[in-house]
N, C-alpha and C. Protein backbone atom coordinates (compact mmCIF):
# COMPACT_ATOMS: atom_id res chain seq x y z
N MET A 1 -15.31 -20.41 54.15
CA MET A 1 -15.37 -20.70 52.74
C MET A 1 -14.44 -19.73 52.02
N ALA A 2 -13.57 -20.25 51.21
CA ALA A 2 -12.59 -19.44 50.50
C ALA A 2 -13.27 -18.73 49.34
N ASN A 3 -12.76 -17.53 49.06
CA ASN A 3 -13.29 -16.78 47.92
C ASN A 3 -12.86 -17.46 46.63
N SER A 4 -13.80 -17.78 45.79
CA SER A 4 -13.45 -18.36 44.50
C SER A 4 -13.39 -17.23 43.47
N PRO A 5 -12.53 -17.39 42.48
CA PRO A 5 -12.44 -16.32 41.47
C PRO A 5 -13.76 -16.20 40.74
N SER A 6 -14.07 -14.97 40.34
CA SER A 6 -15.32 -14.76 39.62
C SER A 6 -15.24 -15.46 38.27
N PRO A 7 -16.37 -15.98 37.81
CA PRO A 7 -16.34 -16.72 36.55
C PRO A 7 -16.04 -15.80 35.38
N ASP A 8 -15.40 -16.37 34.39
CA ASP A 8 -15.09 -15.64 33.16
C ASP A 8 -16.40 -15.30 32.47
N PRO A 9 -16.61 -14.05 32.01
CA PRO A 9 -17.87 -13.68 31.39
C PRO A 9 -18.22 -14.56 30.19
N LEU A 10 -17.22 -15.02 29.44
CA LEU A 10 -17.50 -15.87 28.28
C LEU A 10 -18.05 -17.22 28.72
N GLU A 11 -17.53 -17.72 29.84
CA GLU A 11 -17.98 -19.01 30.33
C GLU A 11 -19.33 -18.89 31.04
N ALA A 12 -19.62 -17.71 31.59
CA ALA A 12 -20.85 -17.53 32.34
C ALA A 12 -22.05 -17.30 31.42
N GLY A 13 -21.84 -17.22 30.12
CA GLY A 13 -22.93 -17.04 29.18
C GLY A 13 -23.45 -15.62 29.13
N GLN A 14 -22.65 -14.66 29.59
CA GLN A 14 -23.08 -13.28 29.56
C GLN A 14 -22.99 -12.74 28.13
N TYR A 15 -23.75 -11.71 27.85
CA TYR A 15 -23.79 -11.08 26.53
C TYR A 15 -22.44 -10.43 26.21
N GLN A 16 -21.94 -10.71 25.04
CA GLN A 16 -20.72 -10.08 24.56
C GLN A 16 -21.08 -9.28 23.31
N PRO A 17 -20.67 -8.00 23.25
CA PRO A 17 -20.99 -7.21 22.07
C PRO A 17 -20.27 -7.77 20.84
N ALA A 18 -20.91 -7.64 19.71
CA ALA A 18 -20.31 -8.09 18.45
C ALA A 18 -19.11 -7.22 18.14
N PRO A 19 -18.09 -7.78 17.49
CA PRO A 19 -16.93 -6.97 17.13
C PRO A 19 -17.35 -5.86 16.16
N ALA A 20 -16.68 -4.74 16.26
CA ALA A 20 -16.99 -3.60 15.40
C ALA A 20 -16.67 -3.96 13.95
N PRO A 21 -17.50 -3.54 13.01
CA PRO A 21 -17.21 -3.82 11.61
C PRO A 21 -15.98 -3.04 11.17
N PRO A 22 -15.26 -3.53 10.16
CA PRO A 22 -14.08 -2.81 9.71
C PRO A 22 -14.47 -1.46 9.13
N PRO A 23 -13.59 -0.47 9.24
CA PRO A 23 -13.93 0.85 8.69
C PRO A 23 -14.10 0.74 7.17
N THR A 24 -14.99 1.54 6.64
CA THR A 24 -15.23 1.53 5.20
C THR A 24 -15.11 2.94 4.65
N PHE A 25 -14.98 3.02 3.35
CA PHE A 25 -14.87 4.29 2.64
C PHE A 25 -16.19 5.04 2.73
N LYS A 26 -16.13 6.33 3.04
CA LYS A 26 -17.32 7.19 3.08
C LYS A 26 -17.11 8.35 2.12
N LEU A 27 -18.09 8.61 1.31
CA LEU A 27 -18.04 9.71 0.35
C LEU A 27 -18.25 11.03 1.08
N PRO A 28 -17.35 12.01 0.90
CA PRO A 28 -17.56 13.32 1.52
C PRO A 28 -18.81 13.99 0.94
N GLN A 29 -19.44 14.86 1.72
CA GLN A 29 -20.65 15.55 1.27
C GLN A 29 -20.41 16.31 -0.04
N GLU A 30 -19.36 17.07 -0.09
CA GLU A 30 -19.05 17.89 -1.27
C GLU A 30 -17.92 17.23 -2.06
N PHE A 31 -18.21 16.14 -2.72
CA PHE A 31 -17.18 15.42 -3.46
C PHE A 31 -16.91 16.08 -4.79
N CYS A 32 -15.64 16.36 -5.04
CA CYS A 32 -15.19 16.75 -6.38
C CYS A 32 -13.76 16.26 -6.51
N GLN A 33 -13.46 15.76 -7.67
CA GLN A 33 -12.15 15.17 -7.88
C GLN A 33 -11.10 16.25 -8.06
N ALA A 34 -9.95 16.07 -7.42
CA ALA A 34 -8.85 17.03 -7.52
C ALA A 34 -7.90 16.61 -8.62
N ALA A 35 -7.37 17.57 -9.33
CA ALA A 35 -6.36 17.31 -10.36
C ALA A 35 -4.98 17.45 -9.71
N VAL A 36 -4.07 16.62 -10.14
CA VAL A 36 -2.72 16.64 -9.56
C VAL A 36 -1.70 16.74 -10.68
N LYS A 37 -0.77 17.64 -10.53
CA LYS A 37 0.33 17.78 -11.48
C LYS A 37 1.53 17.07 -10.87
N VAL A 38 2.02 16.05 -11.54
CA VAL A 38 3.08 15.23 -10.95
C VAL A 38 4.48 15.61 -11.42
N ASP A 39 4.61 16.71 -12.15
CA ASP A 39 5.92 17.13 -12.67
C ASP A 39 6.94 17.38 -11.56
N ASN A 40 6.48 17.83 -10.41
CA ASN A 40 7.40 18.15 -9.32
C ASN A 40 7.75 16.97 -8.43
N ILE A 41 7.19 15.80 -8.71
CA ILE A 41 7.42 14.64 -7.87
C ILE A 41 8.49 13.76 -8.51
N ASP A 42 9.57 13.51 -7.77
CA ASP A 42 10.62 12.62 -8.27
C ASP A 42 10.09 11.19 -8.29
N SER A 43 10.43 10.46 -9.33
CA SER A 43 10.02 9.06 -9.43
C SER A 43 10.70 8.22 -8.36
N LEU A 44 9.98 7.23 -7.88
CA LEU A 44 10.56 6.26 -6.95
C LEU A 44 11.52 5.38 -7.72
N VAL A 45 12.76 5.34 -7.27
CA VAL A 45 13.77 4.50 -7.92
C VAL A 45 14.18 3.33 -7.04
N GLY A 46 13.83 3.37 -5.79
CA GLY A 46 14.20 2.28 -4.88
C GLY A 46 14.28 2.76 -3.45
N GLN A 47 15.05 2.03 -2.69
CA GLN A 47 15.19 2.29 -1.27
C GLN A 47 15.80 3.67 -1.00
N SER A 48 16.67 4.13 -1.90
CA SER A 48 17.39 5.37 -1.66
C SER A 48 16.48 6.59 -1.55
N ASN A 49 15.35 6.62 -2.26
CA ASN A 49 14.47 7.79 -2.18
C ASN A 49 13.05 7.44 -1.72
N TYR A 50 12.88 6.23 -1.19
CA TYR A 50 11.53 5.80 -0.81
C TYR A 50 10.89 6.71 0.24
N LYS A 51 11.61 7.04 1.29
CA LYS A 51 11.03 7.82 2.40
C LYS A 51 10.51 9.16 1.91
N ASP A 52 11.32 9.91 1.16
CA ASP A 52 10.88 11.21 0.64
C ASP A 52 9.72 11.04 -0.34
N TRP A 53 9.80 10.03 -1.20
CA TRP A 53 8.74 9.77 -2.17
C TRP A 53 7.43 9.45 -1.44
N ALA A 54 7.48 8.59 -0.44
CA ALA A 54 6.28 8.19 0.29
C ALA A 54 5.66 9.39 1.01
N ASP A 55 6.48 10.23 1.63
CA ASP A 55 5.96 11.42 2.30
C ASP A 55 5.25 12.34 1.31
N THR A 56 5.84 12.52 0.15
CA THR A 56 5.22 13.35 -0.89
C THR A 56 3.92 12.74 -1.37
N MET A 57 3.91 11.43 -1.60
CA MET A 57 2.71 10.77 -2.10
C MET A 57 1.59 10.79 -1.06
N LYS A 58 1.93 10.70 0.21
CA LYS A 58 0.90 10.81 1.25
C LYS A 58 0.21 12.16 1.16
N MET A 59 1.00 13.21 0.94
CA MET A 59 0.43 14.54 0.81
C MET A 59 -0.46 14.62 -0.44
N VAL A 60 -0.01 14.04 -1.54
CA VAL A 60 -0.81 14.03 -2.77
C VAL A 60 -2.13 13.31 -2.55
N PHE A 61 -2.08 12.13 -1.95
CA PHE A 61 -3.31 11.36 -1.75
C PHE A 61 -4.25 12.03 -0.75
N ARG A 62 -3.70 12.71 0.25
CA ARG A 62 -4.57 13.47 1.17
C ARG A 62 -5.26 14.59 0.41
N GLY A 63 -4.51 15.27 -0.46
CA GLY A 63 -5.08 16.36 -1.25
C GLY A 63 -6.15 15.88 -2.22
N MET A 64 -5.99 14.68 -2.73
CA MET A 64 -6.97 14.11 -3.66
C MET A 64 -8.18 13.53 -2.93
N GLY A 65 -8.03 13.28 -1.64
CA GLY A 65 -9.10 12.63 -0.89
C GLY A 65 -9.08 11.13 -1.00
N SER A 66 -7.94 10.57 -1.43
CA SER A 66 -7.85 9.12 -1.61
C SER A 66 -6.87 8.44 -0.67
N SER A 67 -6.38 9.14 0.34
CA SER A 67 -5.39 8.52 1.23
C SER A 67 -5.97 7.34 1.99
N SER A 68 -7.24 7.40 2.37
CA SER A 68 -7.84 6.27 3.08
C SER A 68 -7.92 5.03 2.19
N ILE A 69 -8.07 5.24 0.90
CA ILE A 69 -8.13 4.12 -0.05
C ILE A 69 -6.74 3.55 -0.29
N VAL A 70 -5.79 4.43 -0.61
CA VAL A 70 -4.44 3.97 -0.99
C VAL A 70 -3.66 3.48 0.22
N ILE A 71 -3.59 4.27 1.25
CA ILE A 71 -2.71 3.95 2.38
C ILE A 71 -3.36 2.96 3.34
N ASN A 72 -4.64 3.18 3.65
CA ASN A 72 -5.32 2.33 4.64
C ASN A 72 -6.06 1.16 4.03
N GLY A 73 -6.27 1.18 2.73
CA GLY A 73 -6.95 0.07 2.06
C GLY A 73 -8.45 0.01 2.28
N LEU A 74 -9.05 1.14 2.59
CA LEU A 74 -10.49 1.14 2.82
C LEU A 74 -11.24 0.92 1.51
N ALA A 75 -12.36 0.24 1.61
CA ALA A 75 -13.23 -0.03 0.46
C ALA A 75 -14.65 0.31 0.87
N PRO A 76 -15.52 0.57 -0.10
CA PRO A 76 -16.90 0.88 0.28
C PRO A 76 -17.62 -0.34 0.83
N ALA A 77 -18.57 -0.08 1.71
CA ALA A 77 -19.39 -1.17 2.23
C ALA A 77 -20.26 -1.70 1.09
N GLU A 78 -20.77 -2.89 1.26
CA GLU A 78 -21.55 -3.50 0.19
C GLU A 78 -22.88 -2.80 -0.04
N ASN A 79 -23.41 -2.13 0.97
CA ASN A 79 -24.73 -1.53 0.84
C ASN A 79 -24.70 -0.03 0.55
N VAL A 80 -23.61 0.48 -0.01
CA VAL A 80 -23.53 1.92 -0.29
C VAL A 80 -24.22 2.25 -1.61
N SER A 81 -24.46 3.52 -1.80
CA SER A 81 -25.14 3.97 -3.01
C SER A 81 -24.22 3.86 -4.23
N THR A 82 -24.84 3.90 -5.39
CA THR A 82 -24.09 3.87 -6.64
C THR A 82 -23.16 5.07 -6.74
N LYS A 83 -23.62 6.20 -6.25
CA LYS A 83 -22.81 7.42 -6.27
C LYS A 83 -21.52 7.22 -5.47
N GLU A 84 -21.63 6.59 -4.30
CA GLU A 84 -20.44 6.35 -3.48
C GLU A 84 -19.51 5.32 -4.15
N LYS A 85 -20.08 4.29 -4.75
CA LYS A 85 -19.24 3.31 -5.46
C LYS A 85 -18.51 3.95 -6.63
N ASP A 86 -19.22 4.82 -7.36
CA ASP A 86 -18.60 5.52 -8.49
C ASP A 86 -17.48 6.44 -8.02
N ALA A 87 -17.71 7.15 -6.91
CA ALA A 87 -16.68 8.03 -6.36
C ALA A 87 -15.46 7.23 -5.93
N TYR A 88 -15.70 6.11 -5.27
CA TYR A 88 -14.60 5.24 -4.84
C TYR A 88 -13.80 4.76 -6.06
N LEU A 89 -14.50 4.32 -7.09
CA LEU A 89 -13.84 3.84 -8.31
C LEU A 89 -13.03 4.95 -8.97
N THR A 90 -13.60 6.15 -9.02
CA THR A 90 -12.90 7.30 -9.62
C THR A 90 -11.63 7.63 -8.84
N LEU A 91 -11.73 7.67 -7.52
CA LEU A 91 -10.55 7.97 -6.69
C LEU A 91 -9.50 6.87 -6.81
N SER A 92 -9.92 5.62 -6.85
CA SER A 92 -8.97 4.50 -7.00
C SER A 92 -8.25 4.57 -8.33
N GLN A 93 -9.01 4.81 -9.40
CA GLN A 93 -8.40 4.88 -10.74
C GLN A 93 -7.45 6.06 -10.84
N SER A 94 -7.82 7.19 -10.27
CA SER A 94 -6.94 8.36 -10.29
C SER A 94 -5.64 8.07 -9.54
N ALA A 95 -5.76 7.41 -8.39
CA ALA A 95 -4.57 7.07 -7.61
C ALA A 95 -3.67 6.11 -8.39
N LEU A 96 -4.27 5.13 -9.07
CA LEU A 96 -3.48 4.20 -9.89
C LEU A 96 -2.73 4.94 -10.99
N LEU A 97 -3.41 5.84 -11.67
CA LEU A 97 -2.77 6.59 -12.75
C LEU A 97 -1.62 7.44 -12.23
N ILE A 98 -1.81 8.07 -11.09
CA ILE A 98 -0.73 8.88 -10.51
C ILE A 98 0.44 8.01 -10.11
N MET A 99 0.16 6.86 -9.51
CA MET A 99 1.25 5.97 -9.10
C MET A 99 2.05 5.49 -10.31
N MET A 100 1.37 5.27 -11.43
CA MET A 100 2.07 4.85 -12.65
C MET A 100 3.06 5.92 -13.11
N GLU A 101 2.74 7.18 -12.86
CA GLU A 101 3.56 8.30 -13.31
C GLU A 101 4.78 8.55 -12.42
N VAL A 102 4.74 8.07 -11.18
CA VAL A 102 5.78 8.46 -10.23
C VAL A 102 6.62 7.29 -9.71
N VAL A 103 6.67 6.21 -10.47
CA VAL A 103 7.60 5.12 -10.16
C VAL A 103 8.46 4.86 -11.39
N SER A 104 9.66 4.38 -11.17
CA SER A 104 10.56 4.09 -12.29
C SER A 104 10.03 2.91 -13.10
N LYS A 105 10.54 2.78 -14.32
CA LYS A 105 10.05 1.72 -15.22
C LYS A 105 10.25 0.31 -14.65
N PRO A 106 11.41 -0.01 -14.07
CA PRO A 106 11.55 -1.36 -13.50
C PRO A 106 10.54 -1.64 -12.39
N ILE A 107 10.25 -0.64 -11.56
CA ILE A 107 9.28 -0.82 -10.49
C ILE A 107 7.88 -0.93 -11.08
N LEU A 108 7.60 -0.13 -12.09
CA LEU A 108 6.28 -0.17 -12.73
C LEU A 108 5.98 -1.55 -13.31
N LYS A 109 7.00 -2.20 -13.87
CA LYS A 109 6.81 -3.55 -14.41
C LYS A 109 6.31 -4.51 -13.33
N ILE A 110 6.80 -4.34 -12.14
CA ILE A 110 6.43 -5.24 -11.04
C ILE A 110 5.05 -4.89 -10.48
N VAL A 111 4.83 -3.60 -10.20
CA VAL A 111 3.58 -3.23 -9.54
C VAL A 111 2.39 -3.24 -10.49
N SER A 112 2.63 -3.30 -11.78
CA SER A 112 1.51 -3.32 -12.72
C SER A 112 0.70 -4.60 -12.61
N LYS A 113 1.22 -5.58 -11.92
CA LYS A 113 0.48 -6.83 -11.70
C LYS A 113 -0.56 -6.67 -10.57
N SER A 114 -0.44 -5.62 -9.78
CA SER A 114 -1.37 -5.38 -8.67
C SER A 114 -2.64 -4.74 -9.19
N GLU A 115 -3.75 -5.04 -8.54
CA GLU A 115 -5.03 -4.55 -9.02
C GLU A 115 -5.54 -3.32 -8.29
N THR A 116 -5.04 -3.05 -7.10
CA THR A 116 -5.54 -1.90 -6.34
C THR A 116 -4.38 -0.98 -5.96
N PRO A 117 -4.68 0.30 -5.77
CA PRO A 117 -3.62 1.20 -5.33
C PRO A 117 -3.08 0.83 -3.95
N HIS A 118 -3.94 0.28 -3.10
CA HIS A 118 -3.46 -0.13 -1.77
C HIS A 118 -2.47 -1.30 -1.88
N ALA A 119 -2.73 -2.24 -2.77
CA ALA A 119 -1.80 -3.37 -2.95
C ALA A 119 -0.44 -2.86 -3.42
N ILE A 120 -0.45 -1.87 -4.31
CA ILE A 120 0.81 -1.28 -4.78
C ILE A 120 1.51 -0.58 -3.63
N TRP A 121 0.77 0.23 -2.89
CA TRP A 121 1.35 0.97 -1.75
C TRP A 121 1.98 0.00 -0.76
N LYS A 122 1.27 -1.05 -0.44
CA LYS A 122 1.77 -2.04 0.52
C LYS A 122 3.02 -2.73 0.00
N TYR A 123 3.02 -3.11 -1.28
CA TYR A 123 4.20 -3.75 -1.87
C TYR A 123 5.41 -2.82 -1.80
N LEU A 124 5.22 -1.55 -2.20
CA LEU A 124 6.33 -0.60 -2.19
C LEU A 124 6.84 -0.38 -0.77
N HIS A 125 5.95 -0.27 0.18
CA HIS A 125 6.37 -0.09 1.57
C HIS A 125 7.13 -1.31 2.07
N ASP A 126 6.59 -2.48 1.83
CA ASP A 126 7.24 -3.71 2.29
C ASP A 126 8.59 -3.93 1.62
N THR A 127 8.74 -3.45 0.40
CA THR A 127 9.97 -3.67 -0.36
C THR A 127 11.05 -2.64 -0.07
N TYR A 128 10.66 -1.37 0.06
CA TYR A 128 11.66 -0.30 0.11
C TYR A 128 11.80 0.44 1.43
N TYR A 129 10.88 0.29 2.33
CA TYR A 129 10.95 1.03 3.59
C TYR A 129 11.91 0.35 4.55
N VAL A 130 12.88 1.12 5.05
CA VAL A 130 13.83 0.61 6.04
C VAL A 130 13.83 1.59 7.21
N ASP A 131 13.38 1.10 8.36
CA ASP A 131 13.33 1.98 9.52
C ASP A 131 14.21 1.51 10.68
N ASN A 132 14.77 0.32 10.55
CA ASN A 132 15.60 -0.17 11.65
C ASN A 132 16.60 -1.20 11.11
N ALA A 133 17.45 -1.68 11.97
CA ALA A 133 18.48 -2.63 11.56
C ALA A 133 17.88 -3.94 11.05
N PHE A 134 16.78 -4.37 11.66
CA PHE A 134 16.16 -5.63 11.24
C PHE A 134 15.70 -5.56 9.79
N SER A 135 15.02 -4.47 9.40
CA SER A 135 14.56 -4.38 8.02
C SER A 135 15.74 -4.22 7.06
N TYR A 136 16.82 -3.59 7.53
CA TYR A 136 18.01 -3.49 6.69
C TYR A 136 18.59 -4.89 6.45
N ILE A 137 18.66 -5.70 7.49
CA ILE A 137 19.17 -7.08 7.36
C ILE A 137 18.27 -7.87 6.42
N GLN A 138 16.97 -7.67 6.53
CA GLN A 138 16.02 -8.35 5.65
C GLN A 138 16.29 -7.99 4.19
N GLN A 139 16.50 -6.69 3.93
CA GLN A 139 16.80 -6.26 2.57
C GLN A 139 18.13 -6.86 2.10
N TRP A 140 19.10 -6.87 2.97
CA TRP A 140 20.40 -7.42 2.62
C TRP A 140 20.29 -8.91 2.28
N ASN A 141 19.47 -9.63 3.04
CA ASN A 141 19.28 -11.06 2.77
C ASN A 141 18.57 -11.30 1.44
N LYS A 142 17.75 -10.36 1.00
CA LYS A 142 17.13 -10.47 -0.32
C LYS A 142 18.16 -10.21 -1.42
N PHE A 143 19.09 -9.30 -1.13
CA PHE A 143 20.07 -8.88 -2.12
C PHE A 143 21.17 -9.91 -2.35
N THR A 144 21.73 -10.45 -1.29
CA THR A 144 22.92 -11.30 -1.42
C THR A 144 22.73 -12.55 -2.28
N PRO A 145 21.59 -13.23 -2.24
CA PRO A 145 21.48 -14.41 -3.11
C PRO A 145 21.16 -14.08 -4.57
N MET A 146 21.01 -12.81 -4.89
CA MET A 146 20.64 -12.45 -6.27
C MET A 146 21.68 -12.88 -7.30
N SER A 147 22.96 -12.84 -6.92
CA SER A 147 24.00 -13.22 -7.89
C SER A 147 23.87 -14.68 -8.30
N HIS A 148 23.29 -15.50 -7.46
CA HIS A 148 23.09 -16.91 -7.80
C HIS A 148 21.93 -17.12 -8.76
N ASN A 149 21.12 -16.08 -8.94
CA ASN A 149 19.97 -16.17 -9.83
C ASN A 149 20.30 -15.85 -11.28
N PHE A 150 21.53 -15.44 -11.55
CA PHE A 150 21.90 -15.10 -12.92
C PHE A 150 21.89 -16.36 -13.77
N ASN A 151 21.20 -16.28 -14.89
CA ASN A 151 21.05 -17.41 -15.80
C ASN A 151 21.61 -17.00 -17.15
N LEU A 152 22.64 -17.70 -17.61
CA LEU A 152 23.29 -17.36 -18.87
C LEU A 152 22.36 -17.50 -20.08
N SER A 153 21.32 -18.30 -19.96
CA SER A 153 20.42 -18.51 -21.09
C SER A 153 19.42 -17.35 -21.25
N LYS A 154 19.33 -16.47 -20.25
CA LYS A 154 18.42 -15.33 -20.34
C LYS A 154 19.22 -14.06 -20.60
N PRO A 155 18.58 -13.06 -21.22
CA PRO A 155 19.28 -11.80 -21.47
C PRO A 155 19.72 -11.14 -20.17
N ILE A 156 20.87 -10.51 -20.23
CA ILE A 156 21.42 -9.89 -19.02
C ILE A 156 20.55 -8.74 -18.53
N HIS A 157 19.83 -8.07 -19.42
CA HIS A 157 19.01 -6.94 -18.97
C HIS A 157 17.90 -7.40 -18.01
N LYS A 158 17.45 -8.64 -18.11
CA LYS A 158 16.45 -9.16 -17.16
C LYS A 158 17.06 -9.25 -15.76
N PHE A 159 18.29 -9.73 -15.70
CA PHE A 159 18.98 -9.82 -14.42
C PHE A 159 19.22 -8.42 -13.84
N ILE A 160 19.64 -7.49 -14.68
CA ILE A 160 19.89 -6.13 -14.22
C ILE A 160 18.60 -5.48 -13.73
N ASP A 161 17.50 -5.70 -14.46
CA ASP A 161 16.20 -5.15 -14.02
C ASP A 161 15.82 -5.69 -12.64
N SER A 162 16.01 -6.98 -12.43
CA SER A 162 15.66 -7.55 -11.13
C SER A 162 16.57 -6.99 -10.04
N TYR A 163 17.84 -6.78 -10.34
CA TYR A 163 18.76 -6.19 -9.40
C TYR A 163 18.33 -4.78 -9.03
N GLU A 164 18.01 -3.96 -10.06
CA GLU A 164 17.64 -2.58 -9.81
C GLU A 164 16.33 -2.50 -9.02
N THR A 165 15.42 -3.40 -9.30
CA THR A 165 14.13 -3.39 -8.61
C THR A 165 14.28 -3.79 -7.16
N GLU A 166 15.04 -4.83 -6.90
CA GLU A 166 15.19 -5.32 -5.54
C GLU A 166 16.06 -4.41 -4.68
N TRP A 167 17.06 -3.82 -5.26
CA TRP A 167 17.97 -3.03 -4.46
C TRP A 167 17.81 -1.58 -4.78
């Protein structure tokens, strides 16, 4: 009798553990909000200074205790205490206010439509981060058709703003 392959555990009806729940925001034991002075942080103007800006902002958010919220997108679980929800809201609002201070006006116009600091962080990363030739080509492909978007019936400053924001 030939050896038959062992049955797949899913097909054999064996117990499978439930997938782990997504990580959630946890309030530190000794929570106190940190103040941040943004005078020393250069505003994000685009792809040219994104890497340095992002590294600086990561340090700021780690210092504030909000990096898990902004960078990783963590949110509180539904069954957390009011104190934890309030702390999460405070950290999120503080991060939003800081981000408003450290991006250029054309970029601020675009990201102001986002509701969470993580959505802003993700948009900025997806738009300005270039780490390899593929992402450079992607950026170039966004840039080259822009000249076809110029509309004589609209003010030229709108076209210039879109150019500055995209490139």
